[in-house]
């Protein structure tokens, strides 16, 4: 197919085969570039989605770390209370044994 180009006095009234081939190559390359631009846009959307998910994950991880710190603090309080109760019970047991021994010695 021959394309007619208006004659501007330069002697190029009809496109030659080599010019047509070059023009077709340029069109093919432009189509490839258009496809590449569309692919880049899709990739950018995916990257944006992944970054949003990362932000959500980091936010959730921060909340979990905060809850863990609260649980650890409560565990320390509970541990101290448990130790106090255990010591108090041993004091009561030791005092009871001492009283029993004292009464046995007095009564016997």
C-alpha atoms as a PDB file:
ATOM      1  CA  UNK A   1       0.000   0.000   0.000  1.00  0.00           C
ATOM      2  CA  UNK A   2       1.437   3.321  -1.054  1.00  0.00           C
ATOM      3  CA  UNK A   3       0.693   6.372   1.030  1.00  0.00           C
ATOM      4  CA  UNK A   4       0.377   9.637  -0.744  1.00  0.00           C
ATOM      5  CA  UNK A   5       2.091  12.543   0.884  1.00  0.00           C
ATOM      6  CA  UNK A   6       1.368  16.041  -0.336  1.00  0.00           C
ATOM      7  CA  UNK A   7       4.113  17.290  -2.582  1.00  0.00           C
ATOM      8  CA  UNK A   8       5.867  20.160  -0.872  1.00  0.00           C
ATOM      9  CA  UNK A   9       8.266  20.668  -3.704  1.00  0.00           C
ATOM     10  CA  UNK A  10      10.803  18.373  -2.127  1.00  0.00           C
ATOM     11  CA  UNK A  11      10.313  15.505  -4.549  1.00  0.00           C
ATOM     12  CA  UNK A  12       8.599  13.212  -2.023  1.00  0.00           C
ATOM     13  CA  UNK A  13       5.168  12.801  -3.596  1.00  0.00           C
ATOM     14  CA  UNK A  14       4.942   9.048  -2.958  1.00  0.00           C
ATOM     15  CA  UNK A  15       6.478   7.118  -0.050  1.00  0.00           C
ATOM     16  CA  UNK A  16       9.083   4.628  -1.009  1.00  0.00           C
ATOM     17  CA  UNK A  17       9.049   1.039   0.258  1.00  0.00           C
ATOM     18  CA  UNK A  18      11.935   1.683   2.653  1.00  0.00           C
ATOM     19  CA  UNK A  19      10.141   4.668   4.139  1.00  0.00           C
ATOM     20  CA  UNK A  20       6.991   2.578   4.556  1.00  0.00           C
ATOM     21  CA  UNK A  21       8.963  -0.176   6.272  1.00  0.00           C
ATOM     22  CA  UNK A  22      10.611   2.341   8.572  1.00  0.00           C
ATOM     23  CA  UNK A  23       7.230   3.870   9.395  1.00  0.00           C
ATOM     24  CA  UNK A  24       5.780   0.414  10.134  1.00  0.00           C
ATOM     25  CA  UNK A  25       8.737  -0.345  12.429  1.00  0.00           C
ATOM     26  CA  UNK A  26       8.168   2.928  14.251  1.00  0.00           C
ATOM     27  CA  UNK A  27       4.458   2.104  14.647  1.00  0.00           C
ATOM     28  CA  UNK A  28       5.308  -1.347  16.022  1.00  0.00           C
ATOM     29  CA  UNK A  29       7.751   0.189  18.483  1.00  0.00           C
ATOM     30  CA  UNK A  30       5.162   2.754  19.556  1.00  0.00           C
ATOM     31  CA  UNK A  31       2.669  -0.051  20.158  1.00  0.00           C
ATOM     32  CA  UNK A  32       5.248  -1.860  22.269  1.00  0.00           C
ATOM     33  CA  UNK A  33       5.927   1.322  24.225  1.00  0.00           C
ATOM     34  CA  UNK A  34       2.200   1.788  24.818  1.00  0.00           C
ATOM     35  CA  UNK A  35       1.977  -1.789  26.103  1.00  0.00           C
ATOM     36  CA  UNK A  36       4.995  -1.176  28.336  1.00  0.00           C
ATOM     37  CA  UNK A  37       3.406   1.976  29.776  1.00  0.00           C
ATOM     38  CA  UNK A  38       0.227   0.030  30.568  1.00  0.00           C
ATOM     39  CA  UNK A  39       2.296  -2.714  32.223  1.00  0.00           C
ATOM     40  CA  UNK A  40       4.194  -0.158  34.291  1.00  0.00           C
ATOM     41  CA  UNK A  41       0.909   1.391  35.440  1.00  0.00           C
ATOM     42  CA  UNK A  42      -0.356  -2.031  36.539  1.00  0.00           C
ATOM     43  CA  UNK A  43       2.877  -2.709  38.406  1.00  0.00           C
ATOM     44  CA  UNK A  44       2.641   0.667  40.135  1.00  0.00           C
ATOM     45  CA  UNK A  45      -0.880  -0.191  41.295  1.00  0.00           C
ATOM     46  CA  UNK A  46       0.323  -3.508  42.661  1.00  0.00           C
ATOM     47  CA  UNK A  47       3.238  -1.845  44.453  1.00  0.00           C
ATOM     48  CA  UNK A  48       0.867   0.717  45.976  1.00  0.00           C
ATOM     49  CA  UNK A  49      -1.388  -2.103  47.182  1.00  0.00           C
ATOM     50  CA  UNK A  50       1.550  -3.982  48.702  1.00  0.00           C
ATOM     51  CA  UNK A  51       2.772  -0.841  50.463  1.00  0.00           C
ATOM     52  CA  UNK A  52      -0.690  -0.253  51.943  1.00  0.00           C
ATOM     53  CA  UNK A  53      -0.773  -3.856  53.158  1.00  0.00           C
ATOM     54  CA  UNK A  54       2.687  -3.388  54.696  1.00  0.00           C
ATOM     55  CA  UNK A  55       1.480  -0.300  56.529  1.00  0.00           C
ATOM     56  CA  UNK A  56      -1.503  -2.242  57.890  1.00  0.00           C
ATOM     57  CA  UNK A  57       0.749  -5.109  58.968  1.00  0.00           C
ATOM     58  CA  UNK A  58       3.131  -2.759  60.763  1.00  0.00           C
ATOM     59  CA  UNK A  59       0.218  -1.071  62.509  1.00  0.00           C
ATOM     60  CA  UNK A  60      -1.135  -4.433  63.629  1.00  0.00           C
ATOM     61  CA  UNK A  61       2.321  -5.539  64.758  1.00  0.00           C
ATOM     62  CA  UNK A  62       2.697  -2.354  66.816  1.00  0.00           C
ATOM     63  CA  UNK A  63      -0.648  -3.042  68.501  1.00  0.00           C
ATOM     64  CA  UNK A  64       0.358  -6.632  69.218  1.00  0.00           C
ATOM     65  CA  UNK A  65       3.668  -5.479  70.712  1.00  0.00           C
ATOM     66  CA  UNK A  66       1.819  -3.021  72.933  1.00  0.00           C
ATOM     67  CA  UNK A  67      -0.574  -5.741  74.110  1.00  0.00           C
ATOM     68  CA  UNK A  68       2.380  -8.059  74.770  1.00  0.00           C
ATOM     69  CA  UNK A  69       4.044  -5.411  76.923  1.00  0.00           C
ATOM     70  CA  UNK A  70       0.800  -4.979  78.893  1.00  0.00           C
ATOM     71  CA  UNK A  71       0.518  -8.736  79.418  1.00  0.00           C
ATOM     72  CA  UNK A  72       4.150  -8.935  80.529  1.00  0.00           C
ATOM     73  CA  UNK A  73       3.591  -6.125  83.030  1.00  0.00           C
ATOM     74  CA  UNK A  74       0.484  -7.856  84.394  1.00  0.00           C
ATOM     75  CA  UNK A  75       2.390 -11.153  84.584  1.00  0.00           C
ATOM     76  CA  UNK A  76       5.076  -9.443  86.688  1.00  0.00           C
ATOM     77  CA  UNK A  77       2.403  -8.129  89.075  1.00  0.00           C
ATOM     78  CA  UNK A  78       0.773 -11.549  89.286  1.00  0.00           C
ATOM     79  CA  UNK A  79       4.145 -13.188  89.857  1.00  0.00           C
ATOM     80  CA  UNK A  80       4.953 -10.840  92.730  1.00  0.00           C
ATOM     81  CA  UNK A  81       1.519 -11.451  94.276  1.00  0.00           C
ATOM     82  CA  UNK A  82       1.996 -15.199  93.924  1.00  0.00           C
ATOM     83  CA  UNK A  83       5.391 -15.059  95.604  1.00  0.00           C
ATOM     84  CA  UNK A  84       3.967 -13.016  98.475  1.00  0.00           C
ATOM     85  CA  UNK A  85       1.112 -15.483  99.000  1.00  0.00           C
ATOM     86  CA  UNK A  86       3.507 -18.438  98.862  1.00  0.00           C
ATOM     87  CA  UNK A  87       5.826 -16.871 101.449  1.00  0.00           C
ATOM     88  CA  UNK A  88       2.893 -15.976 103.670  1.00  0.00           C
ATOM     89  CA  UNK A  89       1.630 -19.580 103.500  1.00  0.00           C
ATOM     90  CA  UNK A  90       5.086 -20.913 104.438  1.00  0.00           C
ATOM     91  CA  UNK A  91       5.163 -18.526 107.381  1.00  0.00           C
ATOM     92  CA  UNK A  92       1.759 -19.824 108.514  1.00  0.00           C
ATOM     93  CA  UNK A  93       2.877 -23.461 108.066  1.00  0.00           C
ATOM     94  CA  UNK A  94       6.108 -22.853 109.994  1.00  0.00           C
ATOM     95  CA  UNK A  95       4.261 -21.014 112.772  1.00  0.00           C
ATOM     96  CA  UNK A  96       1.695 -23.827 113.000  1.00  0.00           C
ATOM     97  CA  UNK A  97       4.403 -26.453 113.266  1.00  0.00           C
ATOM     98  CA  UNK A  98       6.141 -24.358 115.912  1.00  0.00           C
ATOM     99  CA  UNK A  99       2.913 -23.997 117.890  1.00  0.00           C
ATOM    100  CA  UNK A 100       2.199 -27.711 117.664  1.00  0.00           C
ATOM    101  CA  UNK A 101       5.723 -28.502 118.856  1.00  0.00           C
ATOM    102  CA  UNK A 102       5.388 -25.979 121.694  1.00  0.00           C
ATOM    103  CA  UNK A 103       2.059 -27.424 122.880  1.00  0.00           C
ATOM    104  CA  UNK A 104       3.371 -30.965 122.660  1.00  0.00           C
ATOM    105  CA  UNK A 105       6.348 -30.037 124.783  1.00  0.00           C
ATOM    106  CA  UNK A 106       4.226 -28.241 127.358  1.00  0.00           C
ATOM    107  CA  UNK A 107       1.558 -30.915 127.533  1.00  0.00           C
ATOM    108  CA  UNK A 108       3.898 -33.827 127.483  1.00  0.00           C
END
